[in-house]
Structures are given as structure tokens and as C-alpha cells.
Amino acid sequence: MTSEQRQAPRVQAAYQIMYECFQRETKVSEGTAQTVNLSERGALIELTQEVAPDASMILWIFAPFYTLLIKGDVVHAHRRTNGLFRIGVKLTDVIEGNWQVFKKDLQARANDLVL
């Protein structure tokens, strides 16, 4: 059994996203995907193409009442039996949008799960 390494708990959140993936400052791919879960500092996203574990990403997260443009670093990538890839991203910087609105939305989702 491994110990929890996340800084904040994840909540189930299926948001549509657009992404750009970079390797050493060079854009190597782009596309659309969906989040599986999110926290204030991390995201698990599911997409159709592989992403290297040392890549960085820019994500446009389309939530119901806001859009957040955020930068992150890929920390793991796994191929699933259905052929899709699940990518763990450590969220590092907000480029555009309001981090506080994002945090409030996640906290509200977490509270809804507890009730």
C-alpha cells in the first residue's frame, strides 16, 4: 500500500478541456479531453493520445460558469485497457481566470459528495 501524496483531496469532476502539451518548450500535441477528477493542485485527465511523464501542459478547463487557463506538469501517464490514457497533472500556475472561483467550485463539489 502506498501513502497518499496529494496536497489536496480529489473530487469527481467531468469537465471538458482543451490542452496543449510541451516537451522542453516545444509544443508536441494538442487536443480535447475530459477531467476525471480535480483538486486545488492536481488533475487526472483522460485523453486518446499518450503524453510523456516529463511533459508540461496548458489546460483550458471549461466549468459551468467560468473558464480557467492553467499550466501544469505531467507526473504520471498510464494506458488503460480501453486504449485511453489517464494523465496525472500537477497544477502549477494560473494563466487566466480566477483560482479562488476554481477552489470554491471544488470545495462545493466535495461538500456535495459528503452530504
PDB file of N, CA and C in Angstrom:
ATOM      1  N   MET A   1       0.847  -1.176   0.000  1.00  0.00           N
ATOM      2  CA  MET A   1       0.000   0.000   0.000  1.00  0.00           C
ATOM      3  C   MET A   1       0.896   1.245   0.000  1.00  0.00           C
ATOM      4  N   THR A   2       0.564   2.221  -0.834  1.00  0.00           N
ATOM      5  CA  THR A   2       1.344   3.457  -0.884  1.00  0.00           C
ATOM      6  C   THR A   2       0.626   4.538  -0.101  1.00  0.00           C
ATOM      7  N   SER A   3       1.391   5.467   0.435  1.00  0.00           N
ATOM      8  CA  SER A   3       0.782   6.555   1.194  1.00  0.00           C
ATOM      9  C   SER A   3       0.289   7.645   0.248  1.00  0.00           C
ATOM     10  N   GLU A   4      -0.720   8.358   0.686  1.00  0.00           N
ATOM     11  CA  GLU A   4      -1.285   9.466  -0.092  1.00  0.00           C
ATOM     12  C   GLU A   4      -0.249  10.568  -0.235  1.00  0.00           C
ATOM     13  N   GLN A   5      -0.005  11.002  -1.476  1.00  0.00           N
ATOM     14  CA  GLN A   5       0.979  12.048  -1.728  1.00  0.00           C
ATOM     15  C   GLN A   5       0.342  13.350  -2.195  1.00  0.00           C
ATOM     16  N   ARG A   6      -0.965  13.371  -2.357  1.00  0.00           N
ATOM     17  CA  ARG A   6      -1.633  14.573  -2.831  1.00  0.00           C
ATOM     18  C   ARG A   6      -1.690  15.630  -1.738  1.00  0.00           C
ATOM     19  N   GLN A   7      -1.607  16.891  -2.172  1.00  0.00           N
ATOM     20  CA  GLN A   7      -1.685  18.006  -1.230  1.00  0.00           C
ATOM     21  C   GLN A   7      -3.123  18.352  -0.880  1.00  0.00           C
ATOM     22  N   ALA A   8      -4.058  17.998  -1.741  1.00  0.00           N
ATOM     23  CA  ALA A   8      -5.474  18.304  -1.518  1.00  0.00           C
ATOM     24  C   ALA A   8      -6.302  17.133  -2.035  1.00  0.00           C
ATOM     25  N   PRO A   9      -7.448  16.824  -1.405  1.00  0.00           N
ATOM     26  CA  PRO A   9      -8.273  15.705  -1.852  1.00  0.00           C
ATOM     27  C   PRO A   9      -8.871  15.961  -3.223  1.00  0.00           C
ATOM     28  N   ARG A  10      -9.003  14.902  -3.993  1.00  0.00           N
ATOM     29  CA  ARG A  10      -9.600  14.995  -5.322  1.00  0.00           C
ATOM     30  C   ARG A  10     -11.114  14.834  -5.226  1.00  0.00           C
ATOM     31  N   VAL A  11     -11.825  15.511  -6.132  1.00  0.00           N
ATOM     32  CA  VAL A  11     -13.266  15.330  -6.249  1.00  0.00           C
ATOM     33  C   VAL A  11     -13.582  14.943  -7.692  1.00  0.00           C
ATOM     34  N   GLN A  12     -14.604  14.121  -7.839  1.00  0.00           N
ATOM     35  CA  GLN A  12     -15.026  13.729  -9.181  1.00  0.00           C
ATOM     36  C   GLN A  12     -15.551  14.963  -9.908  1.00  0.00           C
ATOM     37  N   ALA A  13     -15.011  15.229 -11.076  1.00  0.00           N
ATOM     38  CA  ALA A  13     -15.431  16.398 -11.843  1.00  0.00           C
ATOM     39  C   ALA A  13     -15.128  16.150 -13.311  1.00  0.00           C
ATOM     40  N   ALA A  14     -16.162  15.948 -14.102  1.00  0.00           N
ATOM     41  CA  ALA A  14     -16.003  15.653 -15.523  1.00  0.00           C
ATOM     42  C   ALA A  14     -16.178  16.930 -16.338  1.00  0.00           C
ATOM     43  N   TYR A  15     -15.107  17.717 -16.433  1.00  0.00           N
ATOM     44  CA  TYR A  15     -15.123  18.949 -17.226  1.00  0.00           C
ATOM     45  C   TYR A  15     -14.477  18.701 -18.578  1.00  0.00           C
ATOM     46  N   GLN A  16     -15.026  19.332 -19.596  1.00  0.00           N
ATOM     47  CA  GLN A  16     -14.374  19.312 -20.902  1.00  0.00           C
ATOM     48  C   GLN A  16     -13.172  20.235 -20.844  1.00  0.00           C
ATOM     49  N   ILE A  17     -12.079  19.816 -21.457  1.00  0.00           N
ATOM     50  CA  ILE A  17     -10.893  20.655 -21.503  1.00  0.00           C
ATOM     51  C   ILE A  17     -10.293  20.647 -22.900  1.00  0.00           C
ATOM     52  N   MET A  18      -9.514  21.653 -23.166  1.00  0.00           N
ATOM     53  CA  MET A  18      -8.611  21.677 -24.314  1.00  0.00           C
ATOM     54  C   MET A  18      -7.211  21.716 -23.720  1.00  0.00           C
ATOM     55  N   TYR A  19      -6.254  21.137 -24.432  1.00  0.00           N
ATOM     56  CA  TYR A  19      -4.905  21.118 -23.890  1.00  0.00           C
ATOM     57  C   TYR A  19      -3.859  21.311 -24.994  1.00  0.00           C
ATOM     58  N   GLU A  20      -2.711  21.782 -24.578  1.00  0.00           N
ATOM     59  CA  GLU A  20      -1.507  21.805 -25.394  1.00  0.00           C
ATOM     60  C   GLU A  20      -0.430  21.138 -24.557  1.00  0.00           C
ATOM     61  N   CYS A  21       0.353  20.271 -25.182  1.00  0.00           N
ATOM     62  CA  CYS A  21       1.382  19.527 -24.485  1.00  0.00           C
ATOM     63  C   CYS A  21       2.750  19.952 -25.012  1.00  0.00           C
ATOM     64  N   PHE A  22       3.694  20.143 -24.093  1.00  0.00           N
ATOM     65  CA  PHE A  22       5.031  20.635 -24.440  1.00  0.00           C
ATOM     66  C   PHE A  22       6.102  19.698 -23.910  1.00  0.00           C
ATOM     67  N   GLN A  23       7.135  19.486 -24.696  1.00  0.00           N
ATOM     68  CA  GLN A  23       8.351  18.783 -24.287  1.00  0.00           C
ATOM     69  C   GLN A  23       9.498  19.753 -24.468  1.00  0.00           C
ATOM     70  N   ARG A  24      10.167  20.098 -23.404  1.00  0.00           N
ATOM     71  CA  ARG A  24      11.311  21.025 -23.458  1.00  0.00           C
ATOM     72  C   ARG A  24      10.981  22.270 -24.287  1.00  0.00           C
ATOM     73  N   GLU A  25       9.886  22.934 -23.915  1.00  0.00           N
ATOM     74  CA  GLU A  25       9.467  24.210 -24.521  1.00  0.00           C
ATOM     75  C   GLU A  25       8.941  24.080 -25.958  1.00  0.00           C
ATOM     76  N   THR A  26       8.855  22.866 -26.511  1.00  0.00           N
ATOM     77  CA  THR A  26       8.353  22.661 -27.870  1.00  0.00           C
ATOM     78  C   THR A  26       6.977  22.011 -27.799  1.00  0.00           C
ATOM     79  N   LYS A  27       6.002  22.604 -28.467  1.00  0.00           N
ATOM     80  CA  LYS A  27       4.654  22.030 -28.485  1.00  0.00           C
ATOM     81  C   LYS A  27       4.669  20.747 -29.307  1.00  0.00           C
ATOM     82  N   VAL A  28       4.211  19.651 -28.695  1.00  0.00           N
ATOM     83  CA  VAL A  28       4.236  18.354 -29.364  1.00  0.00           C
ATOM     84  C   VAL A  28       2.842  17.813 -29.674  1.00  0.00           C
ATOM     85  N   SER A  29       1.808  18.325 -29.002  1.00  0.00           N
ATOM     86  CA  SER A  29       0.449  17.874 -29.306  1.00  0.00           C
ATOM     87  C   SER A  29      -0.563  18.853 -28.720  1.00  0.00           C
ATOM     88  N   GLU A  30      -1.775  18.700 -29.182  1.00  0.00           N
ATOM     89  CA  GLU A  30      -2.905  19.480 -28.664  1.00  0.00           C
ATOM     90  C   GLU A  30      -4.170  18.696 -28.929  1.00  0.00           C
ATOM     91  N   GLY A  31      -5.230  19.034 -28.214  1.00  0.00           N
ATOM     92  CA  GLY A  31      -6.479  18.341 -28.441  1.00  0.00           C
ATOM     93  C   GLY A  31      -7.507  18.663 -27.375  1.00  0.00           C
ATOM     94  N   THR A  32      -8.530  17.823 -27.325  1.00  0.00           N
ATOM     95  CA  THR A  32      -9.576  17.949 -26.318  1.00  0.00           C
ATOM     96  C   THR A  32      -9.569  16.689 -25.467  1.00  0.00           C
ATOM     97  N   ALA A  33     -10.066  16.824 -24.261  1.00  0.00           N
ATOM     98  CA  ALA A  33     -10.095  15.701 -23.335  1.00  0.00           C
ATOM     99  C   ALA A  33     -11.154  15.989 -22.280  1.00  0.00           C
ATOM    100  N   GLN A  34     -11.153  15.178 -21.236  1.00  0.00           N
ATOM    101  CA  GLN A  34     -12.086  15.363 -20.134  1.00  0.00           C
ATOM    102  C   GLN A  34     -11.362  15.071 -18.833  1.00  0.00           C
ATOM    103  N   THR A  35     -11.690  15.852 -17.808  1.00  0.00           N
ATOM    104  CA  THR A  35     -11.139  15.549 -16.489  1.00  0.00           C
ATOM    105  C   THR A  35     -11.886  14.363 -15.893  1.00  0.00           C
ATOM    106  N   VAL A  36     -11.193  13.609 -15.080  1.00  0.00           N
ATOM    107  CA  VAL A  36     -11.795  12.520 -14.313  1.00  0.00           C
ATOM    108  C   VAL A  36     -12.039  13.014 -12.895  1.00  0.00           C
ATOM    109  N   ASN A  37     -10.998  13.655 -12.338  1.00  0.00           N
ATOM    110  CA  ASN A  37     -11.134  14.274 -11.030  1.00  0.00           C
ATOM    111  C   ASN A  37     -10.161  15.439 -10.930  1.00  0.00           C
ATOM    112  N   LEU A  38     -10.419  16.300  -9.954  1.00  0.00           N
ATOM    113  CA  LEU A  38      -9.624  17.516  -9.769  1.00  0.00           C
ATOM    114  C   LEU A  38      -9.423  17.792  -8.292  1.00  0.00           C
ATOM    115  N   SER A  39      -8.347  18.506  -8.010  1.00  0.00           N
ATOM    116  CA  SER A  39      -8.148  19.093  -6.695  1.00  0.00           C
ATOM    117  C   SER A  39      -7.624  20.501  -6.926  1.00  0.00           C
ATOM    118  N   GLU A  40      -7.336  21.199  -5.849  1.00  0.00           N
ATOM    119  CA  GLU A  40      -6.793  22.555  -5.990  1.00  0.00           C
ATOM    120  C   GLU A  40      -5.427  22.551  -6.650  1.00  0.00           C
ATOM    121  N   ARG A  41      -4.735  21.443  -6.590  1.00  0.00           N
ATOM    122  CA  ARG A  41      -3.362  21.386  -7.106  1.00  0.00           C
ATOM    123  C   ARG A  41      -3.109  20.295  -8.127  1.00  0.00           C
ATOM    124  N   GLY A  42      -4.137  19.517  -8.477  1.00  0.00           N
ATOM    125  CA  GLY A  42      -3.903  18.435  -9.414  1.00  0.00           C
ATOM    126  C   GLY A  42      -5.134  18.061 -10.204  1.00  0.00           C
ATOM    127  N   ALA A  43      -4.883  17.359 -11.305  1.00  0.00           N
ATOM    128  CA  ALA A  43      -5.979  16.901 -12.152  1.00  0.00           C
ATOM    129  C   ALA A  43      -5.625  15.541 -12.735  1.00  0.00           C
ATOM    130  N   LEU A  44      -6.623  14.691 -12.864  1.00  0.00           N
ATOM    131  CA  LEU A  44      -6.491  13.464 -13.616  1.00  0.00           C
ATOM    132  C   LEU A  44      -7.332  13.661 -14.863  1.00  0.00           C
ATOM    133  N   ILE A  45      -6.678  13.584 -16.017  1.00  0.00           N
ATOM    134  CA  ILE A  45      -7.404  13.780 -17.270  1.00  0.00           C
ATOM    135  C   ILE A  45      -7.299  12.519 -18.116  1.00  0.00           C
ATOM    136  N   GLU A  46      -8.313  12.323 -18.961  1.00  0.00           N
ATOM    137  CA  GLU A  46      -8.344  11.158 -19.829  1.00  0.00           C
ATOM    138  C   GLU A  46      -8.335  11.642 -21.271  1.00  0.00           C
ATOM    139  N   LEU A  47      -7.375  11.118 -22.047  1.00  0.00           N
ATOM    140  CA  LEU A  47      -7.283  11.524 -23.443  1.00  0.00           C
ATOM    141  C   LEU A  47      -6.902  10.349 -24.315  1.00  0.00           C
ATOM    142  N   THR A  48      -6.941  10.576 -25.630  1.00  0.00           N
ATOM    143  CA  THR A  48      -6.742   9.494 -26.591  1.00  0.00           C
ATOM    144  C   THR A  48      -5.294   9.296 -26.991  1.00  0.00           C
ATOM    145  N   GLN A  49      -4.410  10.212 -26.634  1.00  0.00           N
ATOM    146  CA  GLN A  49      -3.019  10.061 -27.022  1.00  0.00           C
ATOM    147  C   GLN A  49      -2.095  10.055 -25.815  1.00  0.00           C
ATOM    148  N   GLU A  50      -0.967   9.396 -25.979  1.00  0.00           N
ATOM    149  CA  GLU A  50      -0.001   9.282 -24.898  1.00  0.00           C
ATOM    150  C   GLU A  50       0.711  10.612 -24.663  1.00  0.00           C
ATOM    151  N   VAL A  51       1.050  10.859 -23.407  1.00  0.00           N
ATOM    152  CA  VAL A  51       1.808  12.046 -23.013  1.00  0.00           C
ATOM    153  C   VAL A  51       2.970  11.572 -22.148  1.00  0.00           C
ATOM    154  N   ALA A  52       4.158  12.076 -22.418  1.00  0.00           N
ATOM    155  CA  ALA A  52       5.342  11.676 -21.656  1.00  0.00           C
ATOM    156  C   ALA A  52       5.267  12.207 -20.222  1.00  0.00           C
ATOM    157  N   PRO A  53       5.751  11.419 -19.255  1.00  0.00           N
ATOM    158  CA  PRO A  53       5.695  11.842 -17.853  1.00  0.00           C
ATOM    159  C   PRO A  53       6.505  13.099 -17.523  1.00  0.00           C
ATOM    160  N   ASP A  54       7.385  13.525 -18.380  1.00  0.00           N
ATOM    161  CA  ASP A  54       8.160  14.739 -18.103  1.00  0.00           C
ATOM    162  C   ASP A  54       7.665  15.940 -18.898  1.00  0.00           C
ATOM    163  N   ALA A  55       6.477  15.831 -19.464  1.00  0.00           N
ATOM    164  CA  ALA A  55       5.914  16.923 -20.278  1.00  0.00           C
ATOM    165  C   ALA A  55       5.272  17.985 -19.389  1.00  0.00           C
ATOM    166  N   SER A  56       5.013  19.130 -19.983  1.00  0.00           N
ATOM    167  CA  SER A  56       4.197  20.148 -19.327  1.00  0.00           C
ATOM    168  C   SER A  56       2.968  20.369 -20.196  1.00  0.00           C
ATOM    169  N   MET A  57       1.921  20.889 -19.577  1.00  0.00           N
ATOM    170  CA  MET A  57       0.666  21.081 -20.304  1.00  0.00           C
ATOM    171  C   MET A  57       0.064  22.430 -19.947  1.00  0.00           C
ATOM    172  N   ILE A  58      -0.661  22.962 -20.916  1.00  0.00           N
ATOM    173  CA  ILE A  58      -1.542  24.094 -20.674  1.00  0.00           C
ATOM    174  C   ILE A  58      -2.955  23.571 -20.870  1.00  0.00           C
ATOM    175  N   LEU A  59      -3.805  23.796 -19.870  1.00  0.00           N
ATOM    176  CA  LEU A  59      -5.172  23.281 -19.876  1.00  0.00           C
ATOM    177  C   LEU A  59      -6.177  24.425 -19.841  1.00  0.00           C
ATOM    178  N   TRP A  60      -7.182  24.344 -20.707  1.00  0.00           N
ATOM    179  CA  TRP A  60      -8.342  25.228 -20.628  1.00  0.00           C
ATOM    180  C   TRP A  60      -9.437  24.377 -20.009  1.00  0.00           C
ATOM    181  N   ILE A  61      -9.831  24.689 -18.785  1.00  0.00           N
ATOM    182  CA  ILE A  61     -10.868  23.940 -18.087  1.00  0.00           C
ATOM    183  C   ILE A  61     -12.174  24.705 -18.241  1.00  0.00           C
ATOM    184  N   PHE A  62     -13.163  24.042 -18.850  1.00  0.00           N
ATOM    185  CA  PHE A  62     -14.458  24.675 -19.105  1.00  0.00           C
ATOM    186  C   PHE A  62     -15.468  24.188 -18.077  1.00  0.00           C
ATOM    187  N   ALA A  63     -15.606  24.954 -16.994  1.00  0.00           N
ATOM    188  CA  ALA A  63     -16.576  24.652 -15.948  1.00  0.00           C
ATOM    189  C   ALA A  63     -17.903  25.333 -16.308  1.00  0.00           C
ATOM    190  N   PRO A  64     -18.972  25.003 -15.601  1.00  0.00           N
ATOM    191  CA  PRO A  64     -20.275  25.573 -15.972  1.00  0.00           C
ATOM    192  C   PRO A  64     -20.336  27.102 -16.012  1.00  0.00           C
ATOM    193  N   PHE A  65     -19.659  27.799 -15.096  1.00  0.00           N
ATOM    194  CA  PHE A  65     -19.804  29.249 -15.049  1.00  0.00           C
ATOM    195  C   PHE A  65     -18.502  30.011 -15.195  1.00  0.00           C
ATOM    196  N   TYR A  66     -17.444  29.334 -15.584  1.00  0.00           N
ATOM    197  CA  TYR A  66     -16.151  30.003 -15.760  1.00  0.00           C
ATOM    198  C   TYR A  66     -15.225  29.131 -16.597  1.00  0.00           C
ATOM    199  N   THR A  67     -14.180  29.745 -17.100  1.00  0.00           N
ATOM    200  CA  THR A  67     -13.103  29.045 -17.795  1.00  0.00           C
ATOM    201  C   THR A  67     -11.801  29.397 -17.103  1.00  0.00           C
ATOM    202  N   LEU A  68     -10.956  28.402 -16.936  1.00  0.00           N
ATOM    203  CA  LEU A  68      -9.671  28.606 -16.280  1.00  0.00           C
ATOM    204  C   LEU A  68      -8.577  28.123 -17.219  1.00  0.00           C
ATOM    205  N   LEU A  69      -7.594  28.960 -17.459  1.00  0.00           N
ATOM    206  CA  LEU A  69      -6.424  28.594 -18.247  1.00  0.00           C
ATOM    207  C   LEU A  69      -5.288  28.390 -17.263  1.00  0.00           C
ATOM    208  N   ILE A  70      -4.739  27.183 -17.243  1.00  0.00           N
ATOM    209  CA  ILE A  70      -3.794  26.825 -16.189  1.00  0.00           C
ATOM    210  C   ILE A  70      -2.640  26.005 -16.757  1.00  0.00           C
ATOM    211  N   LYS A  71      -1.487  26.139 -16.135  1.00  0.00           N
ATOM    212  CA  LYS A  71      -0.297  25.386 -16.536  1.00  0.00           C
ATOM    213  C   LYS A  71      -0.058  24.279 -15.529  1.00  0.00           C
ATOM    214  N   GLY A  72       0.481  23.158 -16.009  1.00  0.00           N
ATOM    215  CA  GLY A  72       0.780  22.055 -15.111  1.00  0.00           C
ATOM    216  C   GLY A  72       1.890  21.176 -15.642  1.00  0.00           C
ATOM    217  N   ASP A  73       2.381  20.320 -14.772  1.00  0.00           N
ATOM    218  CA  ASP A  73       3.430  19.369 -15.106  1.00  0.00           C
ATOM    219  C   ASP A  73       2.880  17.956 -15.006  1.00  0.00           C
ATOM    220  N   VAL A  74       3.144  17.140 -16.016  1.00  0.00           N
ATOM    221  CA  VAL A  74       2.701  15.753 -16.010  1.00  0.00           C
ATOM    222  C   VAL A  74       3.539  14.980 -14.993  1.00  0.00           C
ATOM    223  N   VAL A  75       2.864  14.269 -14.103  1.00  0.00           N
ATOM    224  CA  VAL A  75       3.582  13.489 -13.092  1.00  0.00           C
ATOM    225  C   VAL A  75       3.450  11.986 -13.319  1.00  0.00           C
ATOM    226  N   HIS A  76       2.413  11.575 -14.028  1.00  0.00           N
ATOM    227  CA  HIS A  76       2.315  10.163 -14.421  1.00  0.00           C
ATOM    228  C   HIS A  76       1.381  10.032 -15.610  1.00  0.00           C
ATOM    229  N   ALA A  77       1.564   8.946 -16.353  1.00  0.00           N
ATOM    230  CA  ALA A  77       0.727   8.657 -17.518  1.00  0.00           C
ATOM    231  C   ALA A  77       0.560   7.143 -17.614  1.00  0.00           C
ATOM    232  N   HIS A  78      -0.692   6.687 -17.743  1.00  0.00           N
ATOM    233  CA  HIS A  78      -0.975   5.258 -17.791  1.00  0.00           C
ATOM    234  C   HIS A  78      -1.971   4.964 -18.903  1.00  0.00           C
ATOM    235  N   ARG A  79      -1.688   3.921 -19.670  1.00  0.00           N
ATOM    236  CA  ARG A  79      -2.638   3.461 -20.681  1.00  0.00           C
ATOM    237  C   ARG A  79      -3.620   2.500 -20.017  1.00  0.00           C
ATOM    238  N   ARG A  80      -4.886   2.701 -20.306  1.00  0.00           N
ATOM    239  CA  ARG A  80      -5.929   1.847 -19.745  1.00  0.00           C
ATOM    240  C   ARG A  80      -6.275   0.735 -20.731  1.00  0.00           C
ATOM    241  N   THR A  81      -7.009  -0.241 -20.266  1.00  0.00           N
ATOM    242  CA  THR A  81      -7.363  -1.365 -21.131  1.00  0.00           C
ATOM    243  C   THR A  81      -8.271  -0.938 -22.289  1.00  0.00           C
ATOM    244  N   ASN A  82      -8.984   0.184 -22.136  1.00  0.00           N
ATOM    245  CA  ASN A  82      -9.856   0.668 -23.209  1.00  0.00           C
ATOM    246  C   ASN A  82      -9.096   1.474 -24.263  1.00  0.00           C
ATOM    247  N   GLY A  83      -7.763   1.585 -24.113  1.00  0.00           N
ATOM    248  CA  GLY A  83      -6.947   2.300 -25.089  1.00  0.00           C
ATOM    249  C   GLY A  83      -6.764   3.777 -24.792  1.00  0.00           C
ATOM    250  N   LEU A  84      -7.518   4.311 -23.828  1.00  0.00           N
ATOM    251  CA  LEU A  84      -7.357   5.713 -23.450  1.00  0.00           C
ATOM    252  C   LEU A  84      -6.211   5.848 -22.456  1.00  0.00           C
ATOM    253  N   PHE A  85      -5.720   7.065 -22.309  1.00  0.00           N
ATOM    254  CA  PHE A  85      -4.628   7.350 -21.391  1.00  0.00           C
ATOM    255  C   PHE A  85      -5.140   8.215 -20.254  1.00  0.00           C
ATOM    256  N   ARG A  86      -4.741   7.894 -19.041  1.00  0.00           N
ATOM    257  CA  ARG A  86      -5.028   8.735 -17.876  1.00  0.00           C
ATOM    258  C   ARG A  86      -3.735   9.416 -17.476  1.00  0.00           C
ATOM    259  N   ILE A  87      -3.799  10.751 -17.427  1.00  0.00           N
ATOM    260  CA  ILE A  87      -2.627  11.573 -17.195  1.00  0.00           C
ATOM    261  C   ILE A  87      -2.824  12.350 -15.893  1.00  0.00           C
ATOM    262  N   GLY A  88      -1.893  12.216 -14.966  1.00  0.00           N
ATOM    263  CA  GLY A  88      -1.899  12.991 -13.734  1.00  0.00           C
ATOM    264  C   GLY A  88      -1.091  14.259 -13.939  1.00  0.00           C
ATOM    265  N   VAL A  89      -1.706  15.389 -13.653  1.00  0.00           N
ATOM    266  CA  VAL A  89      -1.068  16.686 -13.870  1.00  0.00           C
ATOM    267  C   VAL A  89      -1.042  17.465 -12.556  1.00  0.00           C
ATOM    268  N   LYS A  90       0.138  17.917 -12.171  1.00  0.00           N
ATOM    269  CA  LYS A  90       0.281  18.806 -11.014  1.00  0.00           C
ATOM    270  C   LYS A  90       0.066  20.228 -11.525  1.00  0.00           C
ATOM    271  N   LEU A  91      -0.993  20.891 -11.045  1.00  0.00           N
ATOM    272  CA  LEU A  91      -1.316  22.247 -11.491  1.00  0.00           C
ATOM    273  C   LEU A  91      -0.373  23.232 -10.810  1.00  0.00           C
ATOM    274  N   THR A  92       0.269  24.088 -11.606  1.00  0.00           N
ATOM    275  CA  THR A  92       1.318  24.943 -11.053  1.00  0.00           C
ATOM    276  C   THR A  92       1.019  26.436 -11.133  1.00  0.00           C
ATOM    277  N   ASP A  93       0.425  26.914 -12.231  1.00  0.00           N
ATOM    278  CA  ASP A  93       0.230  28.359 -12.417  1.00  0.00           C
ATOM    279  C   ASP A  93      -1.077  28.647 -13.131  1.00  0.00           C
ATOM    280  N   VAL A  94      -1.801  29.643 -12.643  1.00  0.00           N
ATOM    281  CA  VAL A  94      -2.975  30.140 -13.360  1.00  0.00           C
ATOM    282  C   VAL A  94      -2.495  31.179 -14.372  1.00  0.00           C
ATOM    283  N   ILE A  95      -2.853  30.965 -15.620  1.00  0.00           N
ATOM    284  CA  ILE A  95      -2.509  31.912 -16.678  1.00  0.00           C
ATOM    285  C   ILE A  95      -3.627  32.939 -16.842  1.00  0.00           C
ATOM    286  N   GLU A  96      -4.856  32.433 -16.804  1.00  0.00           N
ATOM    287  CA  GLU A  96      -6.017  33.312 -16.949  1.00  0.00           C
ATOM    288  C   GLU A  96      -7.186  32.698 -16.191  1.00  0.00           C
ATOM    289  N   GLY A  97      -7.921  33.528 -15.508  1.00  0.00           N
ATOM    290  CA  GLY A  97      -9.056  33.055 -14.735  1.00  0.00           C
ATOM    291  C   GLY A  97      -8.817  33.314 -13.261  1.00  0.00           C
ATOM    292  N   ASN A  98      -9.737  32.829 -12.455  1.00  0.00           N
ATOM    293  CA  ASN A  98      -9.697  33.109 -11.026  1.00  0.00           C
ATOM    294  C   ASN A  98      -9.536  31.814 -10.240  1.00  0.00           C
ATOM    295  N   TRP A  99      -8.369  31.634  -9.632  1.00  0.00           N
ATOM    296  CA  TRP A  99      -8.078  30.429  -8.853  1.00  0.00           C
ATOM    297  C   TRP A  99      -9.056  30.279  -7.701  1.00  0.00           C
ATOM    298  N   GLN A 100      -9.466  31.385  -7.072  1.00  0.00           N
ATOM    299  CA  GLN A 100     -10.378  31.319  -5.930  1.00  0.00           C
ATOM    300  C   GLN A 100     -11.742  30.776  -6.334  1.00  0.00           C
ATOM    301  N   VAL A 101     -12.237  31.147  -7.511  1.00  0.00           N
ATOM    302  CA  VAL A 101     -13.508  30.613  -8.000  1.00  0.00           C
ATOM    303  C   VAL A 101     -13.374  29.110  -8.224  1.00  0.00           C
ATOM    304  N   PHE A 102     -12.253  28.693  -8.797  1.00  0.00           N
ATOM    305  CA  PHE A 102     -11.963  27.281  -9.018  1.00  0.00           C
ATOM    306  C   PHE A 102     -11.963  26.515  -7.688  1.00  0.00           C
ATOM    307  N   LYS A 103     -11.263  27.053  -6.677  1.00  0.00           N
ATOM    308  CA  LYS A 103     -11.204  26.409  -5.369  1.00  0.00           C
ATOM    309  C   LYS A 103     -12.590  26.306  -4.733  1.00  0.00           C
ATOM    310  N   LYS A 104     -13.388  27.368  -4.831  1.00  0.00           N
ATOM    311  CA  LYS A 104     -14.745  27.348  -4.261  1.00  0.00           C
ATOM    312  C   LYS A 104     -15.610  26.294  -4.944  1.00  0.00           C
ATOM    313  N   ASP A 105     -15.482  26.175  -6.257  1.00  0.00           N
ATOM    314  CA  ASP A 105     -16.240  25.182  -7.013  1.00  0.00           C
ATOM    315  C   ASP A 105     -15.861  23.771  -6.552  1.00  0.00           C
ATOM    316  N   LEU A 106     -14.581  23.512  -6.391  1.00  0.00           N
ATOM    317  CA  LEU A 106     -14.134  22.196  -5.941  1.00  0.00           C
ATOM    318  C   LEU A 106     -14.598  21.909  -4.518  1.00  0.00           C
ATOM    319  N   GLN A 107     -14.539  22.921  -3.648  1.00  0.00           N
ATOM    320  CA  GLN A 107     -14.997  22.729  -2.275  1.00  0.00           C
ATOM    321  C   GLN A 107     -16.491  22.434  -2.237  1.00  0.00           C
ATOM    322  N   ALA A 108     -17.272  23.110  -3.075  1.00  0.00           N
ATOM    323  CA  ALA A 108     -18.711  22.858  -3.129  1.00  0.00           C
ATOM    324  C   ALA A 108     -18.986  21.440  -3.620  1.00  0.00           C
ATOM    325  N   ARG A 109     -18.231  20.987  -4.621  1.00  0.00           N
ATOM    326  CA  ARG A 109     -18.393  19.603  -5.106  1.00  0.00           C
ATOM    327  C   ARG A 109     -18.039  18.604  -4.019  1.00  0.00           C
ATOM    328  N   ALA A 110     -16.959  18.861  -3.290  1.00  0.00           N
ATOM    329  CA  ALA A 110     -16.554  17.965  -2.202  1.00  0.00           C
ATOM    330  C   ALA A 110     -17.630  17.907  -1.126  1.00  0.00           C
ATOM    331  N   ASN A 111     -18.210  19.046  -0.784  1.00  0.00           N
ATOM    332  CA  ASN A 111     -19.273  19.094   0.222  1.00  0.00           C
ATOM    333  C   ASN A 111     -20.511  18.341  -0.241  1.00  0.00           C
ATOM    334  N   ASP A 112     -20.825  18.442  -1.536  1.00  0.00           N
ATOM    335  CA  ASP A 112     -21.977  17.722  -2.084  1.00  0.00           C
ATOM    336  C   ASP A 112     -21.788  16.211  -1.968  1.00  0.00           C
ATOM    337  N   LEU A 113     -20.553  15.744  -2.109  1.00  0.00           N
ATOM    338  CA  LEU A 113     -20.286  14.320  -2.007  1.00  0.00           C
ATOM    339  C   LEU A 113     -20.431  13.810  -0.584  1.00  0.00           C
ATOM    340  N   VAL A 114     -20.172  14.668   0.373  1.00  0.00           N
ATOM    341  CA  VAL A 114     -20.253  14.287   1.789  1.00  0.00           C
ATOM    342  C   VAL A 114     -21.695  14.198   2.247  1.00  0.00           C
ATOM    343  N   LEU A 115     -22.559  15.050   1.714  1.00  0.00           N
ATOM    344  CA  LEU A 115     -23.961  15.104   2.155  1.00  0.00           C
ATOM    345  C   LEU A 115     -24.746  13.866   1.785  1.00  0.00           C
TER     346      LEU A 115
END
